[in-house]
């Protein structure tokens, strides 16, 4: 969605070529993934940076004989193509969806051993690469002011994650809470695990009719945490995420790791729904506790915040309306595009 918003803006002003890479296939089986990461740990290599590097021949073939005002590189993983792009571009811009070292660092804090140890090592590898590669770019786009401060670059521009302008869905509010996202993404896995083990039991025993819906792709990644609980529903992929989210009374964002900003909160706000989030989950959005959402990092306090909202329709409505107002002000595509205009892109 971030890439789509940027592309929509650029196509309105420029003739744009979109270049994609065809990655070498590799096995996604658990033994194969474990072997690859053990090997990377031994070499102190950053996983996605290594995975997406080394395709200069593909890129060279697609840009041969052309000259560009600038190139936009999506994700830090592809930063290694900056030297090649310099040969035909007046400027080279990097769009950071996350600060990868921060993403790995917070995952190390949230995960269990040995994944915590591995993520801490990968965070060091990413930090070393960020120091090497970020200064080479003429401009770096980041999702939040917090990420701009973390970045080792003097020319940083906050380009917020955003959604197209969306009307609130007209749907029936069910007696349920919702968590949404790509469920195979490791911050989402840790969030579901923590919520299922530390928070959900406190809520379900005090509200006998409540359902918890996990909305999004790859539900098999989190199924083990909720298996056997008939009051948890795994929807799988849905045609309209905003409509599905709009059916919930409260959206929960129990994230313990991450970087950038969370589309799941923007989607909840677009749907006009109340949100309960951890502090890290809401980072970078400029939201105020008690005005746009509720924040809680302790399991008991998180559960109480959800239960309080379930019991108070007026409070849910106020938070949902305030969140939607903030979405309309700062996080629609036209609002985000103003930042690009200010950066003279």
C-alpha atoms as a PDB file:
ATOM      1  CA  UNK A   1       0.000   0.000   0.000  1.00  0.00           C
ATOM      2  CA  UNK A   2       2.880   2.390   0.727  1.00  0.00           C
ATOM      3  CA  UNK A   3       4.453   1.646  -2.648  1.00  0.00           C
ATOM      4  CA  UNK A   4       1.079   2.017  -4.362  1.00  0.00           C
ATOM      5  CA  UNK A   5       0.516   5.484  -2.894  1.00  0.00           C
ATOM      6  CA  UNK A   6       3.964   6.621  -4.002  1.00  0.00           C
ATOM      7  CA  UNK A   7       3.504   5.203  -7.494  1.00  0.00           C
ATOM      8  CA  UNK A   8       0.102   6.882  -7.862  1.00  0.00           C
ATOM      9  CA  UNK A   9       1.678  10.249  -7.009  1.00  0.00           C
ATOM     10  CA  UNK A  10       4.632   9.808  -9.358  1.00  0.00           C
ATOM     11  CA  UNK A  11       2.512   8.690 -12.317  1.00  0.00           C
ATOM     12  CA  UNK A  12       0.504  11.904 -12.112  1.00  0.00           C
ATOM     13  CA  UNK A  13       3.682  13.972 -12.631  1.00  0.00           C
ATOM     14  CA  UNK A  14       6.210  11.819 -14.499  1.00  0.00           C
ATOM     15  CA  UNK A  15       6.665   9.098 -17.038  1.00  0.00           C
ATOM     16  CA  UNK A  16       7.458   6.185 -14.729  1.00  0.00           C
ATOM     17  CA  UNK A  17       9.158   2.869 -15.373  1.00  0.00           C
ATOM     18  CA  UNK A  18       8.499   0.177 -12.755  1.00  0.00           C
ATOM     19  CA  UNK A  19      11.361  -2.277 -12.427  1.00  0.00           C
ATOM     20  CA  UNK A  20      10.924  -5.504 -10.501  1.00  0.00           C
ATOM     21  CA  UNK A  21      13.319  -8.342  -9.784  1.00  0.00           C
ATOM     22  CA  UNK A  22      12.673 -12.035 -10.307  1.00  0.00           C
ATOM     23  CA  UNK A  23      14.241 -13.675  -7.277  1.00  0.00           C
ATOM     24  CA  UNK A  24      15.855 -17.087  -7.383  1.00  0.00           C
ATOM     25  CA  UNK A  25      13.443 -19.644  -5.885  1.00  0.00           C
ATOM     26  CA  UNK A  26      14.321 -21.204  -2.567  1.00  0.00           C
ATOM     27  CA  UNK A  27      12.624 -23.609  -0.216  1.00  0.00           C
ATOM     28  CA  UNK A  28      10.391 -22.205   2.524  1.00  0.00           C
ATOM     29  CA  UNK A  29      10.440 -25.429   4.549  1.00  0.00           C
ATOM     30  CA  UNK A  30      11.447 -25.051   8.179  1.00  0.00           C
ATOM     31  CA  UNK A  31      14.748 -26.985   7.827  1.00  0.00           C
ATOM     32  CA  UNK A  32      15.742 -24.934   4.751  1.00  0.00           C
ATOM     33  CA  UNK A  33      14.915 -21.632   6.430  1.00  0.00           C
ATOM     34  CA  UNK A  34      16.757 -22.675   9.588  1.00  0.00           C
ATOM     35  CA  UNK A  35      19.861 -23.653   7.602  1.00  0.00           C
ATOM     36  CA  UNK A  36      19.878 -20.381   5.658  1.00  0.00           C
ATOM     37  CA  UNK A  37      19.630 -18.312   8.812  1.00  0.00           C
ATOM     38  CA  UNK A  38      22.259 -20.312  10.691  1.00  0.00           C
ATOM     39  CA  UNK A  39      24.564 -19.713   7.741  1.00  0.00           C
ATOM     40  CA  UNK A  40      23.746 -15.974   7.766  1.00  0.00           C
ATOM     41  CA  UNK A  41      24.327 -15.753  11.492  1.00  0.00           C
ATOM     42  CA  UNK A  42      27.745 -17.331  11.067  1.00  0.00           C
ATOM     43  CA  UNK A  43      28.603 -14.775   8.367  1.00  0.00           C
ATOM     44  CA  UNK A  44      26.865 -11.850  10.155  1.00  0.00           C
ATOM     45  CA  UNK A  45      24.724 -11.307   7.043  1.00  0.00           C
ATOM     46  CA  UNK A  46      21.380  -9.468   7.088  1.00  0.00           C
ATOM     47  CA  UNK A  47      18.686 -11.830   5.699  1.00  0.00           C
ATOM     48  CA  UNK A  48      16.541  -9.671   3.405  1.00  0.00           C
ATOM     49  CA  UNK A  49      19.441  -7.493   2.287  1.00  0.00           C
ATOM     50  CA  UNK A  50      21.242 -10.626   1.179  1.00  0.00           C
ATOM     51  CA  UNK A  51      18.113 -12.137  -0.387  1.00  0.00           C
ATOM     52  CA  UNK A  52      17.432  -9.086  -2.580  1.00  0.00           C
ATOM     53  CA  UNK A  53      21.021  -8.287  -3.573  1.00  0.00           C
ATOM     54  CA  UNK A  54      22.950  -9.631  -6.538  1.00  0.00           C
ATOM     55  CA  UNK A  55      20.461  -9.040  -9.364  1.00  0.00           C
ATOM     56  CA  UNK A  56      22.346  -6.253 -11.120  1.00  0.00           C
ATOM     57  CA  UNK A  57      22.095  -8.026 -14.477  1.00  0.00           C
ATOM     58  CA  UNK A  58      18.287  -7.985 -14.344  1.00  0.00           C
ATOM     59  CA  UNK A  59      18.210  -4.312 -13.364  1.00  0.00           C
ATOM     60  CA  UNK A  60      20.828  -3.329 -15.964  1.00  0.00           C
ATOM     61  CA  UNK A  61      18.823  -5.012 -18.725  1.00  0.00           C
ATOM     62  CA  UNK A  62      15.613  -3.133 -17.791  1.00  0.00           C
ATOM     63  CA  UNK A  63      17.195   0.343 -17.651  1.00  0.00           C
ATOM     64  CA  UNK A  64      19.671  -0.036 -20.512  1.00  0.00           C
ATOM     65  CA  UNK A  65      19.905   3.102 -22.685  1.00  0.00           C
ATOM     66  CA  UNK A  66      17.613   5.217 -20.502  1.00  0.00           C
ATOM     67  CA  UNK A  67      18.125   8.376 -18.454  1.00  0.00           C
ATOM     68  CA  UNK A  68      15.973   9.366 -15.463  1.00  0.00           C
ATOM     69  CA  UNK A  69      15.382  12.429 -13.303  1.00  0.00           C
ATOM     70  CA  UNK A  70      15.512  10.098 -10.311  1.00  0.00           C
ATOM     71  CA  UNK A  71      15.074   6.550  -9.120  1.00  0.00           C
ATOM     72  CA  UNK A  72      13.087   5.484  -6.070  1.00  0.00           C
ATOM     73  CA  UNK A  73      14.345   2.334  -4.387  1.00  0.00           C
ATOM     74  CA  UNK A  74      11.655   0.549  -2.369  1.00  0.00           C
ATOM     75  CA  UNK A  75      12.899  -1.021   0.888  1.00  0.00           C
ATOM     76  CA  UNK A  76      16.367  -0.981   2.386  1.00  0.00           C
ATOM     77  CA  UNK A  77      16.768  -4.533   1.092  1.00  0.00           C
ATOM     78  CA  UNK A  78      17.455  -3.100  -2.384  1.00  0.00           C
ATOM     79  CA  UNK A  79      19.869  -0.358  -1.330  1.00  0.00           C
ATOM     80  CA  UNK A  80      22.800  -2.181  -2.943  1.00  0.00           C
ATOM     81  CA  UNK A  81      21.575  -1.109  -6.410  1.00  0.00           C
ATOM     82  CA  UNK A  82      22.410   2.552  -5.753  1.00  0.00           C
ATOM     83  CA  UNK A  83      25.768   2.444  -7.647  1.00  0.00           C
ATOM     84  CA  UNK A  84      24.144   1.013 -10.783  1.00  0.00           C
ATOM     85  CA  UNK A  85      21.245   3.477 -10.653  1.00  0.00           C
ATOM     86  CA  UNK A  86      23.726   6.373 -10.396  1.00  0.00           C
ATOM     87  CA  UNK A  87      24.840   5.639 -13.938  1.00  0.00           C
ATOM     88  CA  UNK A  88      21.497   6.784 -15.384  1.00  0.00           C
ATOM     89  CA  UNK A  89      19.731   8.811 -12.673  1.00  0.00           C
ATOM     90  CA  UNK A  90      20.272  12.405 -11.577  1.00  0.00           C
ATOM     91  CA  UNK A  91      19.087  11.562  -8.047  1.00  0.00           C
ATOM     92  CA  UNK A  92      18.566   8.302  -6.166  1.00  0.00           C
ATOM     93  CA  UNK A  93      15.928   8.190  -3.418  1.00  0.00           C
ATOM     94  CA  UNK A  94      15.428   5.405  -0.891  1.00  0.00           C
ATOM     95  CA  UNK A  95      11.995   4.667   0.565  1.00  0.00           C
ATOM     96  CA  UNK A  96      12.312   2.955   3.942  1.00  0.00           C
ATOM     97  CA  UNK A  97       9.151   1.101   4.889  1.00  0.00           C
ATOM     98  CA  UNK A  98      10.917   0.230   8.146  1.00  0.00           C
ATOM     99  CA  UNK A  99      14.211   0.896   9.852  1.00  0.00           C
ATOM    100  CA  UNK A 100      15.353  -2.711   9.540  1.00  0.00           C
ATOM    101  CA  UNK A 101      17.763  -2.582  12.483  1.00  0.00           C
ATOM    102  CA  UNK A 102      14.959  -1.290  14.723  1.00  0.00           C
ATOM    103  CA  UNK A 103      12.571  -3.950  13.462  1.00  0.00           C
ATOM    104  CA  UNK A 104      15.087  -6.672  14.304  1.00  0.00           C
ATOM    105  CA  UNK A 105      16.000  -5.066  17.642  1.00  0.00           C
ATOM    106  CA  UNK A 106      12.406  -4.931  18.856  1.00  0.00           C
ATOM    107  CA  UNK A 107      11.781  -8.468  17.612  1.00  0.00           C
ATOM    108  CA  UNK A 108      14.747  -9.611  19.691  1.00  0.00           C
ATOM    109  CA  UNK A 109      13.097  -8.062  22.730  1.00  0.00           C
ATOM    110  CA  UNK A 110       9.709  -9.683  22.022  1.00  0.00           C
ATOM    111  CA  UNK A 111      10.706 -13.158  20.803  1.00  0.00           C
ATOM    112  CA  UNK A 112      11.811 -16.207  22.740  1.00  0.00           C
ATOM    113  CA  UNK A 113      15.284 -17.729  22.669  1.00  0.00           C
ATOM    114  CA  UNK A 114      16.919 -18.673  20.281  1.00  0.00           C
ATOM    115  CA  UNK A 115      14.984 -16.322  17.970  1.00  0.00           C
ATOM    116  CA  UNK A 116      15.669 -13.404  20.309  1.00  0.00           C
ATOM    117  CA  UNK A 117      19.410 -14.033  20.113  1.00  0.00           C
ATOM    118  CA  UNK A 118      19.307 -14.417  16.324  1.00  0.00           C
ATOM    119  CA  UNK A 119      17.301 -11.197  15.866  1.00  0.00           C
ATOM    120  CA  UNK A 120      19.752  -9.276  18.050  1.00  0.00           C
ATOM    121  CA  UNK A 121      22.588 -10.462  15.811  1.00  0.00           C
ATOM    122  CA  UNK A 122      20.652  -9.536  12.684  1.00  0.00           C
ATOM    123  CA  UNK A 123      19.920  -6.095  14.166  1.00  0.00           C
ATOM    124  CA  UNK A 124      23.674  -5.511  14.435  1.00  0.00           C
ATOM    125  CA  UNK A 125      24.140  -6.600  10.824  1.00  0.00           C
ATOM    126  CA  UNK A 126      21.417  -4.251   9.599  1.00  0.00           C
ATOM    127  CA  UNK A 127      22.803  -1.369  11.667  1.00  0.00           C
ATOM    128  CA  UNK A 128      26.212  -1.834  10.082  1.00  0.00           C
ATOM    129  CA  UNK A 129      24.680  -1.862   6.586  1.00  0.00           C
ATOM    130  CA  UNK A 130      22.542   1.204   7.334  1.00  0.00           C
ATOM    131  CA  UNK A 131      25.648   3.147   8.334  1.00  0.00           C
ATOM    132  CA  UNK A 132      27.283   2.104   5.076  1.00  0.00           C
ATOM    133  CA  UNK A 133      24.431   2.592   2.609  1.00  0.00           C
ATOM    134  CA  UNK A 134      22.056   5.293   3.829  1.00  0.00           C
ATOM    135  CA  UNK A 135      24.518   8.202   3.351  1.00  0.00           C
ATOM    136  CA  UNK A 136      24.818   7.321  -0.334  1.00  0.00           C
ATOM    137  CA  UNK A 137      21.238   8.368  -1.143  1.00  0.00           C
ATOM    138  CA  UNK A 138      20.229  11.921  -2.012  1.00  0.00           C
ATOM    139  CA  UNK A 139      16.984  11.639  -0.036  1.00  0.00           C
ATOM    140  CA  UNK A 140      15.508   9.014   2.275  1.00  0.00           C
ATOM    141  CA  UNK A 141      11.770   8.677   2.852  1.00  0.00           C
ATOM    142  CA  UNK A 142      10.613   7.281   6.203  1.00  0.00           C
ATOM    143  CA  UNK A 143       7.192   6.528   7.672  1.00  0.00           C
ATOM    144  CA  UNK A 144       7.417   8.570  10.870  1.00  0.00           C
ATOM    145  CA  UNK A 145       9.307  11.266  12.718  1.00  0.00           C
ATOM    146  CA  UNK A 146      10.581   8.592  15.123  1.00  0.00           C
ATOM    147  CA  UNK A 147      12.144   6.690  12.228  1.00  0.00           C
ATOM    148  CA  UNK A 148      13.627   9.911  10.832  1.00  0.00           C
ATOM    149  CA  UNK A 149      15.446  10.463  14.126  1.00  0.00           C
ATOM    150  CA  UNK A 150      16.765   6.893  14.122  1.00  0.00           C
ATOM    151  CA  UNK A 151      18.097   7.169  10.586  1.00  0.00           C
ATOM    152  CA  UNK A 152      21.727   7.996   9.913  1.00  0.00           C
ATOM    153  CA  UNK A 153      21.044  10.586   7.186  1.00  0.00           C
ATOM    154  CA  UNK A 154      20.816  14.366   7.047  1.00  0.00           C
ATOM    155  CA  UNK A 155      18.275  14.425   4.184  1.00  0.00           C
ATOM    156  CA  UNK A 156      15.276  12.600   5.585  1.00  0.00           C
ATOM    157  CA  UNK A 157      11.633  13.219   4.665  1.00  0.00           C
ATOM    158  CA  UNK A 158       8.670  11.835   6.608  1.00  0.00           C
ATOM    159  CA  UNK A 159       6.324  10.307   4.052  1.00  0.00           C
ATOM    160  CA  UNK A 160       3.589   8.688   6.167  1.00  0.00           C
ATOM    161  CA  UNK A 161       1.933   5.395   5.434  1.00  0.00           C
ATOM    162  CA  UNK A 162      -1.518   6.203   4.112  1.00  0.00           C
ATOM    163  CA  UNK A 163      -4.689   4.784   2.576  1.00  0.00           C
ATOM    164  CA  UNK A 164      -6.863   6.007  -0.269  1.00  0.00           C
ATOM    165  CA  UNK A 165      -9.766   8.136   0.894  1.00  0.00           C
ATOM    166  CA  UNK A 166     -12.272   5.535   2.105  1.00  0.00           C
ATOM    167  CA  UNK A 167     -15.860   6.016   3.204  1.00  0.00           C
ATOM    168  CA  UNK A 168     -16.759   4.335   6.515  1.00  0.00           C
ATOM    169  CA  UNK A 169     -18.297   0.923   5.814  1.00  0.00           C
ATOM    170  CA  UNK A 170     -22.015   0.484   6.362  1.00  0.00           C
ATOM    171  CA  UNK A 171     -22.021  -2.865   8.183  1.00  0.00           C
ATOM    172  CA  UNK A 172     -23.616  -4.443  11.227  1.00  0.00           C
ATOM    173  CA  UNK A 173     -21.474  -4.222  14.362  1.00  0.00           C
ATOM    174  CA  UNK A 174     -20.943  -7.734  15.721  1.00  0.00           C
ATOM    175  CA  UNK A 175     -20.045  -8.570  19.300  1.00  0.00           C
ATOM    176  CA  UNK A 176     -16.406  -9.193  18.529  1.00  0.00           C
ATOM    177  CA  UNK A 177     -12.932  -7.740  18.690  1.00  0.00           C
ATOM    178  CA  UNK A 178     -10.510  -7.907  15.761  1.00  0.00           C
ATOM    179  CA  UNK A 179      -6.812  -8.111  14.961  1.00  0.00           C
ATOM    180  CA  UNK A 180      -5.848  -7.662  11.309  1.00  0.00           C
ATOM    181  CA  UNK A 181      -2.757  -8.041   9.169  1.00  0.00           C
ATOM    182  CA  UNK A 182      -0.599 -10.528   7.309  1.00  0.00           C
ATOM    183  CA  UNK A 183      -0.451 -13.161  10.017  1.00  0.00           C
ATOM    184  CA  UNK A 184       2.834 -14.702   8.858  1.00  0.00           C
ATOM    185  CA  UNK A 185       4.687 -11.422   9.502  1.00  0.00           C
ATOM    186  CA  UNK A 186       6.785 -12.008  12.611  1.00  0.00           C
ATOM    187  CA  UNK A 187       5.618  -8.920  14.599  1.00  0.00           C
ATOM    188  CA  UNK A 188       2.035 -10.111  14.047  1.00  0.00           C
ATOM    189  CA  UNK A 189       2.914 -13.635  15.175  1.00  0.00           C
ATOM    190  CA  UNK A 190       4.406 -12.303  18.415  1.00  0.00           C
ATOM    191  CA  UNK A 191       1.416  -9.993  18.905  1.00  0.00           C
ATOM    192  CA  UNK A 192      -1.101 -12.831  18.556  1.00  0.00           C
ATOM    193  CA  UNK A 193       0.944 -15.090  20.839  1.00  0.00           C
ATOM    194  CA  UNK A 194       1.142 -12.443  23.585  1.00  0.00           C
ATOM    195  CA  UNK A 195      -2.520 -11.479  23.302  1.00  0.00           C
ATOM    196  CA  UNK A 196      -3.694 -15.108  23.256  1.00  0.00           C
ATOM    197  CA  UNK A 197      -1.598 -16.118  26.253  1.00  0.00           C
ATOM    198  CA  UNK A 198      -1.680 -12.985  28.410  1.00  0.00           C
ATOM    199  CA  UNK A 199      -4.765 -10.936  27.495  1.00  0.00           C
ATOM    200  CA  UNK A 200      -7.504 -12.935  25.779  1.00  0.00           C
ATOM    201  CA  UNK A 201      -8.188 -15.256  28.728  1.00  0.00           C
ATOM    202  CA  UNK A 202      -8.838 -12.234  30.964  1.00  0.00           C
ATOM    203  CA  UNK A 203     -11.349 -10.866  28.460  1.00  0.00           C
ATOM    204  CA  UNK A 204     -13.172 -14.041  27.444  1.00  0.00           C
ATOM    205  CA  UNK A 205     -13.928 -15.137  31.008  1.00  0.00           C
ATOM    206  CA  UNK A 206     -15.673 -11.815  31.717  1.00  0.00           C
ATOM    207  CA  UNK A 207     -17.619 -11.616  28.444  1.00  0.00           C
ATOM    208  CA  UNK A 208     -19.085 -15.000  27.655  1.00  0.00           C
ATOM    209  CA  UNK A 209     -20.444 -14.069  24.227  1.00  0.00           C
ATOM    210  CA  UNK A 210     -17.424 -12.264  22.780  1.00  0.00           C
ATOM    211  CA  UNK A 211     -15.583 -13.477  19.677  1.00  0.00           C
ATOM    212  CA  UNK A 212     -12.003 -12.644  18.686  1.00  0.00           C
ATOM    213  CA  UNK A 213     -11.452 -12.449  14.923  1.00  0.00           C
ATOM    214  CA  UNK A 214      -8.044 -12.723  13.299  1.00  0.00           C
ATOM    215  CA  UNK A 215      -8.404 -11.114   9.885  1.00  0.00           C
ATOM    216  CA  UNK A 216      -5.817 -11.657   7.180  1.00  0.00           C
ATOM    217  CA  UNK A 217      -3.661 -13.948   5.098  1.00  0.00           C
ATOM    218  CA  UNK A 218      -1.636 -16.938   6.338  1.00  0.00           C
ATOM    219  CA  UNK A 219      -3.754 -17.857   9.396  1.00  0.00           C
ATOM    220  CA  UNK A 220      -1.796 -21.103   9.751  1.00  0.00           C
ATOM    221  CA  UNK A 221       1.085 -19.046  11.182  1.00  0.00           C
ATOM    222  CA  UNK A 222      -0.863 -18.249  14.368  1.00  0.00           C
ATOM    223  CA  UNK A 223      -3.355 -21.108  14.534  1.00  0.00           C
ATOM    224  CA  UNK A 224      -1.322 -22.953  17.176  1.00  0.00           C
ATOM    225  CA  UNK A 225      -1.887 -20.143  19.689  1.00  0.00           C
ATOM    226  CA  UNK A 226      -5.694 -20.338  19.508  1.00  0.00           C
ATOM    227  CA  UNK A 227      -6.319 -23.961  18.520  1.00  0.00           C
ATOM    228  CA  UNK A 228      -9.349 -25.427  20.265  1.00  0.00           C
ATOM    229  CA  UNK A 229     -10.873 -22.095  21.232  1.00  0.00           C
ATOM    230  CA  UNK A 230     -14.276 -21.968  19.529  1.00  0.00           C
ATOM    231  CA  UNK A 231     -14.574 -18.245  20.244  1.00  0.00           C
ATOM    232  CA  UNK A 232     -11.603 -17.356  18.057  1.00  0.00           C
ATOM    233  CA  UNK A 233     -12.259 -17.093  14.321  1.00  0.00           C
ATOM    234  CA  UNK A 234      -9.530 -17.128  11.669  1.00  0.00           C
ATOM    235  CA  UNK A 235     -11.069 -15.461   8.621  1.00  0.00           C
ATOM    236  CA  UNK A 236      -8.201 -15.963   6.177  1.00  0.00           C
ATOM    237  CA  UNK A 237      -7.917 -13.469   3.280  1.00  0.00           C
ATOM    238  CA  UNK A 238     -10.904 -11.146   2.840  1.00  0.00           C
ATOM    239  CA  UNK A 239     -12.090  -9.098  -0.136  1.00  0.00           C
ATOM    240  CA  UNK A 240     -12.627  -5.886   1.861  1.00  0.00           C
ATOM    241  CA  UNK A 241     -10.463  -5.490   4.965  1.00  0.00           C
ATOM    242  CA  UNK A 242     -12.104  -2.204   5.983  1.00  0.00           C
ATOM    243  CA  UNK A 243     -15.582  -3.755   5.934  1.00  0.00           C
ATOM    244  CA  UNK A 244     -14.416  -6.765   7.964  1.00  0.00           C
ATOM    245  CA  UNK A 245     -12.722  -4.521  10.508  1.00  0.00           C
ATOM    246  CA  UNK A 246     -15.846  -2.358  10.626  1.00  0.00           C
ATOM    247  CA  UNK A 247     -17.859  -5.300  11.955  1.00  0.00           C
ATOM    248  CA  UNK A 248     -15.771  -5.352  15.154  1.00  0.00           C
ATOM    249  CA  UNK A 249     -16.592  -3.295  18.229  1.00  0.00           C
ATOM    250  CA  UNK A 250     -12.905  -2.874  19.133  1.00  0.00           C
ATOM    251  CA  UNK A 251      -9.695  -3.371  17.153  1.00  0.00           C
ATOM    252  CA  UNK A 252      -6.723  -4.634  19.162  1.00  0.00           C
ATOM    253  CA  UNK A 253      -3.102  -3.906  18.226  1.00  0.00           C
ATOM    254  CA  UNK A 254      -0.971  -5.786  20.793  1.00  0.00           C
ATOM    255  CA  UNK A 255       2.323  -5.334  18.935  1.00  0.00           C
ATOM    256  CA  UNK A 256       5.576  -5.845  20.814  1.00  0.00           C
ATOM    257  CA  UNK A 257       7.923  -5.289  17.871  1.00  0.00           C
ATOM    258  CA  UNK A 258       7.993  -3.302  14.667  1.00  0.00           C
ATOM    259  CA  UNK A 259       9.122  -0.189  12.841  1.00  0.00           C
ATOM    260  CA  UNK A 260       7.436   2.271  10.517  1.00  0.00           C
ATOM    261  CA  UNK A 261       3.742   2.733  11.308  1.00  0.00           C
ATOM    262  CA  UNK A 262       0.848   0.286  11.423  1.00  0.00           C
ATOM    263  CA  UNK A 263      -1.627   0.054   8.555  1.00  0.00           C
ATOM    264  CA  UNK A 264      -3.906  -1.978  10.839  1.00  0.00           C
ATOM    265  CA  UNK A 265      -4.544   1.151  12.929  1.00  0.00           C
ATOM    266  CA  UNK A 266      -5.116   3.295   9.843  1.00  0.00           C
ATOM    267  CA  UNK A 267      -7.619   0.720   8.578  1.00  0.00           C
ATOM    268  CA  UNK A 268      -9.420   0.673  11.922  1.00  0.00           C
ATOM    269  CA  UNK A 269      -9.595   4.475  11.897  1.00  0.00           C
ATOM    270  CA  UNK A 270     -10.807   4.481   8.297  1.00  0.00           C
ATOM    271  CA  UNK A 271     -13.584   2.143   9.439  1.00  0.00           C
ATOM    272  CA  UNK A 272     -14.379   4.465  12.360  1.00  0.00           C
ATOM    273  CA  UNK A 273     -13.565   1.821  14.968  1.00  0.00           C
ATOM    274  CA  UNK A 274     -12.103   2.195  18.460  1.00  0.00           C
ATOM    275  CA  UNK A 275      -8.537   0.923  18.895  1.00  0.00           C
ATOM    276  CA  UNK A 276      -6.636  -0.444  21.886  1.00  0.00           C
ATOM    277  CA  UNK A 277      -2.902  -0.642  21.197  1.00  0.00           C
ATOM    278  CA  UNK A 278       0.437  -1.051  22.873  1.00  0.00           C
ATOM    279  CA  UNK A 279       2.619   2.051  22.875  1.00  0.00           C
ATOM    280  CA  UNK A 280       4.885   0.542  20.233  1.00  0.00           C
ATOM    281  CA  UNK A 281       1.906  -0.430  18.086  1.00  0.00           C
ATOM    282  CA  UNK A 282       0.758   3.194  17.880  1.00  0.00           C
ATOM    283  CA  UNK A 283       4.238   4.698  17.506  1.00  0.00           C
ATOM    284  CA  UNK A 284       4.693   7.324  14.816  1.00  0.00           C
ATOM    285  CA  UNK A 285       1.018   8.165  14.312  1.00  0.00           C
ATOM    286  CA  UNK A 286       0.815  11.178  16.627  1.00  0.00           C
ATOM    287  CA  UNK A 287      -2.203   9.669  18.407  1.00  0.00           C
ATOM    288  CA  UNK A 288      -3.124  10.685  21.955  1.00  0.00           C
ATOM    289  CA  UNK A 289      -4.192   8.170  24.589  1.00  0.00           C
ATOM    290  CA  UNK A 290      -7.822   8.698  25.499  1.00  0.00           C
ATOM    291  CA  UNK A 291      -8.498  10.889  22.466  1.00  0.00           C
ATOM    292  CA  UNK A 292      -7.729   8.844  19.349  1.00  0.00           C
ATOM    293  CA  UNK A 293      -7.205   5.406  20.916  1.00  0.00           C
ATOM    294  CA  UNK A 294      -6.367   3.702  24.208  1.00  0.00           C
ATOM    295  CA  UNK A 295      -2.817   2.622  25.037  1.00  0.00           C
ATOM    296  CA  UNK A 296      -1.854  -0.224  27.362  1.00  0.00           C
ATOM    297  CA  UNK A 297       1.360  -2.229  27.630  1.00  0.00           C
ATOM    298  CA  UNK A 298       0.447  -4.353  30.669  1.00  0.00           C
ATOM    299  CA  UNK A 299      -1.762  -7.409  29.931  1.00  0.00           C
ATOM    300  CA  UNK A 300      -4.252  -6.631  32.709  1.00  0.00           C
ATOM    301  CA  UNK A 301      -4.557  -2.985  31.685  1.00  0.00           C
ATOM    302  CA  UNK A 302      -4.924  -3.971  28.031  1.00  0.00           C
ATOM    303  CA  UNK A 303      -7.761  -6.351  28.925  1.00  0.00           C
ATOM    304  CA  UNK A 304      -9.464  -3.707  31.077  1.00  0.00           C
ATOM    305  CA  UNK A 305      -9.278  -1.144  28.284  1.00  0.00           C
ATOM    306  CA  UNK A 306     -10.947  -3.558  25.853  1.00  0.00           C
ATOM    307  CA  UNK A 307     -13.645  -4.533  28.359  1.00  0.00           C
ATOM    308  CA  UNK A 308     -14.359  -0.893  29.218  1.00  0.00           C
ATOM    309  CA  UNK A 309     -14.923  -0.073  25.540  1.00  0.00           C
ATOM    310  CA  UNK A 310     -17.097  -3.126  24.996  1.00  0.00           C
ATOM    311  CA  UNK A 311     -19.331  -1.883  27.811  1.00  0.00           C
ATOM    312  CA  UNK A 312     -19.481   1.735  26.615  1.00  0.00           C
ATOM    313  CA  UNK A 313     -20.866   2.344  23.128  1.00  0.00           C
ATOM    314  CA  UNK A 314     -20.480   6.123  23.463  1.00  0.00           C
ATOM    315  CA  UNK A 315     -16.769   5.822  24.291  1.00  0.00           C
ATOM    316  CA  UNK A 316     -16.286   3.500  21.313  1.00  0.00           C
ATOM    317  CA  UNK A 317     -18.033   5.965  19.042  1.00  0.00           C
ATOM    318  CA  UNK A 318     -15.979   8.947  20.314  1.00  0.00           C
ATOM    319  CA  UNK A 319     -12.669   7.158  19.838  1.00  0.00           C
ATOM    320  CA  UNK A 320     -13.706   5.864  16.417  1.00  0.00           C
ATOM    321  CA  UNK A 321     -14.734   9.318  15.226  1.00  0.00           C
ATOM    322  CA  UNK A 322     -11.562  10.953  16.579  1.00  0.00           C
ATOM    323  CA  UNK A 323      -9.401   8.276  14.952  1.00  0.00           C
ATOM    324  CA  UNK A 324     -11.164   8.751  11.637  1.00  0.00           C
ATOM    325  CA  UNK A 325     -10.670  12.519  11.871  1.00  0.00           C
ATOM    326  CA  UNK A 326      -6.930  11.999  12.391  1.00  0.00           C
ATOM    327  CA  UNK A 327      -6.896   9.580   9.451  1.00  0.00           C
ATOM    328  CA  UNK A 328      -8.590  12.138   7.206  1.00  0.00           C
ATOM    329  CA  UNK A 329      -6.215  14.894   8.317  1.00  0.00           C
ATOM    330  CA  UNK A 330      -2.898  13.080   7.996  1.00  0.00           C
ATOM    331  CA  UNK A 331      -3.128   9.577   6.551  1.00  0.00           C
ATOM    332  CA  UNK A 332      -5.028   9.657   3.269  1.00  0.00           C
ATOM    333  CA  UNK A 333      -3.046   9.548   0.031  1.00  0.00           C
ATOM    334  CA  UNK A 334      -3.679  13.233  -0.776  1.00  0.00           C
ATOM    335  CA  UNK A 335      -2.545  14.234   2.726  1.00  0.00           C
ATOM    336  CA  UNK A 336       0.633  12.165   2.431  1.00  0.00           C
ATOM    337  CA  UNK A 337       1.379  13.510  -1.060  1.00  0.00           C
ATOM    338  CA  UNK A 338       1.742  17.003   0.388  1.00  0.00           C
ATOM    339  CA  UNK A 339       4.950  15.787   2.042  1.00  0.00           C
ATOM    340  CA  UNK A 340       6.351  14.749  -1.332  1.00  0.00           C
ATOM    341  CA  UNK A 341       5.506  18.127  -2.823  1.00  0.00           C
ATOM    342  CA  UNK A 342       7.323  19.843   0.067  1.00  0.00           C
ATOM    343  CA  UNK A 343      10.348  17.636  -0.647  1.00  0.00           C
ATOM    344  CA  UNK A 344      10.218  18.757  -4.298  1.00  0.00           C
ATOM    345  CA  UNK A 345       9.639  15.271  -5.659  1.00  0.00           C
END
